Structures are given as structure tokens and as C-alpha cells.
Amino acid sequence: MNGDLTAAQSAELAQRHPDTIRRALADGTLHGKQRTRKGRWLIEPACLAAWEAGEPCPHRAAASNVVELAGRSRSAS
């Protein structure tokens, strides 16, 4: 195991129902990954913590910075 949490483990840590975690994963408000289509969800602890705090996870924050920087370089030329 690489430190990722299942939806059930995340629900227990966040003191939420597992269906709440799965809905957040399905609608994209909680970042997670699936190895196969309809496979079980895996959530990094940092992503769960960010979701609980109402903030974007580190992956999304990094991605939005890349998009922002790419937009700046295009507009600067």
C-alpha cells in the first residue's frame, strides 16, 4: 500500500458516511483516483484534508498554477 486511503477509510477519518465520500469523488469536489473503470477509489490523505477544509487539494492547486502561468506566457508574447 502506498499510503492512499479507500473511500471507507476516508469516511472513517473524516467522520462522514462512505456515500458522502463517494459522491464527492464522483462530482470532483474530492480528488481521488481509480485504477480501473468502476474500480475502488483511492484518496491521498492530503486531498482528504484539503476537502475537509474546503480548499483545493495540492494536485489541483498545482494544476491551476500551471494553467495560470501558461496563460501569462501566452499573453506576454
C-alpha atoms as a PDB file:
ATOM      1  CA  MET A   1       0.000   0.000   0.000  1.00  0.00           C
ATOM      2  CA  ASN A   2       1.301   3.430  -0.868  1.00  0.00           C
ATOM      3  CA  GLY A   3      -0.473   5.467   1.798  1.00  0.00           C
ATOM      4  CA  ASP A   4      -3.661   6.069  -0.190  1.00  0.00           C
ATOM      5  CA  LEU A   5      -6.972   5.624   1.595  1.00  0.00           C
ATOM      6  CA  THR A   6     -10.080   3.798   0.440  1.00  0.00           C
ATOM      7  CA  ALA A   7     -13.441   5.559   0.478  1.00  0.00           C
ATOM      8  CA  ALA A   8     -14.366   3.649   3.657  1.00  0.00           C
ATOM      9  CA  GLN A   9     -11.116   4.622   5.408  1.00  0.00           C
ATOM     10  CA  SER A  10     -11.561   8.245   4.309  1.00  0.00           C
ATOM     11  CA  ALA A  11     -15.116   8.264   5.610  1.00  0.00           C
ATOM     12  CA  GLU A  12     -13.980   6.979   8.975  1.00  0.00           C
ATOM     13  CA  LEU A  13     -11.211   9.575   9.259  1.00  0.00           C
ATOM     14  CA  ALA A  14     -13.477  12.428   8.133  1.00  0.00           C
ATOM     15  CA  GLN A  15     -16.373  11.168  10.270  1.00  0.00           C
ATOM     16  CA  ARG A  16     -18.634  11.143   7.223  1.00  0.00           C
ATOM     17  CA  HIS A  17     -20.756   8.458   5.617  1.00  0.00           C
ATOM     18  CA  PRO A  18     -18.960   6.488   2.882  1.00  0.00           C
ATOM     19  CA  ASP A  19     -21.665   7.539   0.387  1.00  0.00           C
ATOM     20  CA  THR A  20     -20.796  11.186   1.087  1.00  0.00           C
ATOM     21  CA  ILE A  21     -17.170  10.472   0.212  1.00  0.00           C
ATOM     22  CA  ARG A  22     -18.146   8.578  -2.940  1.00  0.00           C
ATOM     23  CA  ARG A  23     -20.469  11.388  -4.083  1.00  0.00           C
ATOM     24  CA  ALA A  24     -17.698  13.957  -3.555  1.00  0.00           C
ATOM     25  CA  LEU A  25     -15.335  11.768  -5.574  1.00  0.00           C
ATOM     26  CA  ALA A  26     -17.907  11.324  -8.347  1.00  0.00           C
ATOM     27  CA  ASP A  27     -18.667  15.037  -8.635  1.00  0.00           C
ATOM     28  CA  GLY A  28     -14.993  16.009  -8.454  1.00  0.00           C
ATOM     29  CA  THR A  29     -15.047  18.016  -5.247  1.00  0.00           C
ATOM     30  CA  LEU A  30     -12.785  15.398  -3.643  1.00  0.00           C
ATOM     31  CA  HIS A  31      -9.744  14.364  -5.666  1.00  0.00           C
ATOM     32  CA  GLY A  32      -9.184  10.630  -5.962  1.00  0.00           C
ATOM     33  CA  LYS A  33      -8.185   8.028  -8.488  1.00  0.00           C
ATOM     34  CA  GLN A  34      -9.406   4.711  -9.782  1.00  0.00           C
ATOM     35  CA  ARG A  35      -7.072   2.174 -11.385  1.00  0.00           C
ATOM     36  CA  THR A  36      -9.862   0.692 -13.472  1.00  0.00           C
ATOM     37  CA  ARG A  37     -13.228   1.953 -14.628  1.00  0.00           C
ATOM     38  CA  LYS A  38     -15.700   1.457 -11.789  1.00  0.00           C
ATOM     39  CA  GLY A  39     -12.815   0.304  -9.569  1.00  0.00           C
ATOM     40  CA  ARG A  40     -12.439   1.287  -5.961  1.00  0.00           C
ATOM     41  CA  TRP A  41     -11.460   4.856  -5.203  1.00  0.00           C
ATOM     42  CA  LEU A  42      -8.090   5.715  -3.688  1.00  0.00           C
ATOM     43  CA  ILE A  43      -7.620   9.059  -1.938  1.00  0.00           C
ATOM     44  CA  GLU A  44      -4.381  10.656  -0.824  1.00  0.00           C
ATOM     45  CA  PRO A  45      -4.546  11.880   2.800  1.00  0.00           C
ATOM     46  CA  ALA A  46      -3.563  15.418   1.703  1.00  0.00           C
ATOM     47  CA  CYS A  47      -6.512  15.514  -0.699  1.00  0.00           C
ATOM     48  CA  LEU A  48      -8.902  14.380   2.040  1.00  0.00           C
ATOM     49  CA  ALA A  49      -7.572  17.032   4.422  1.00  0.00           C
ATOM     50  CA  ALA A  50      -7.968  19.744   1.786  1.00  0.00           C
ATOM     51  CA  TRP A  51     -11.521  18.603   1.026  1.00  0.00           C
ATOM     52  CA  GLU A  52     -12.420  18.723   4.714  1.00  0.00           C
ATOM     53  CA  ALA A  53     -11.001  22.264   4.923  1.00  0.00           C
ATOM     54  CA  GLY A  54     -12.923  23.336   1.814  1.00  0.00           C
ATOM     55  CA  GLU A  55      -9.723  24.023  -0.100  1.00  0.00           C
ATOM     56  CA  PRO A  56      -8.421  22.613  -3.383  1.00  0.00           C
ATOM     57  CA  CYS A  57      -6.128  19.640  -2.955  1.00  0.00           C
ATOM     58  CA  PRO A  58      -2.414  20.090  -3.621  1.00  0.00           C
ATOM     59  CA  HIS A  59      -2.806  18.482  -7.071  1.00  0.00           C
ATOM     60  CA  ARG A  60      -5.472  20.915  -8.177  1.00  0.00           C
ATOM     61  CA  ALA A  61      -3.661  23.904  -6.726  1.00  0.00           C
ATOM     62  CA  ALA A  62      -0.535  22.917  -8.683  1.00  0.00           C
ATOM     63  CA  ALA A  63      -2.575  22.357 -11.854  1.00  0.00           C
ATOM     64  CA  SER A  64      -4.278  25.750 -11.594  1.00  0.00           C
ATOM     65  CA  ASN A  65      -0.874  27.413 -11.142  1.00  0.00           C
ATOM     66  CA  VAL A  66       0.393  25.730 -14.303  1.00  0.00           C
ATOM     67  CA  VAL A  67      -2.671  26.888 -16.243  1.00  0.00           C
ATOM     68  CA  GLU A  68      -2.267  30.407 -14.856  1.00  0.00           C
ATOM     69  CA  LEU A  69       1.431  30.514 -15.766  1.00  0.00           C
ATOM     70  CA  ALA A  70       0.718  29.169 -19.248  1.00  0.00           C
ATOM     71  CA  GLY A  71      -1.891  31.878 -19.761  1.00  0.00           C
ATOM     72  CA  ARG A  72       0.571  34.563 -18.673  1.00  0.00           C
ATOM     73  CA  SER A  73       3.291  33.398 -21.045  1.00  0.00           C
ATOM     74  CA  ARG A  74       0.891  33.443 -23.991  1.00  0.00           C
ATOM     75  CA  SER A  75      -0.429  36.897 -23.184  1.00  0.00           C
ATOM     76  CA  ALA A  76       3.104  38.249 -22.655  1.00  0.00           C
ATOM     77  CA  SER A  77       4.187  37.292 -26.171  1.00  0.00           C
END
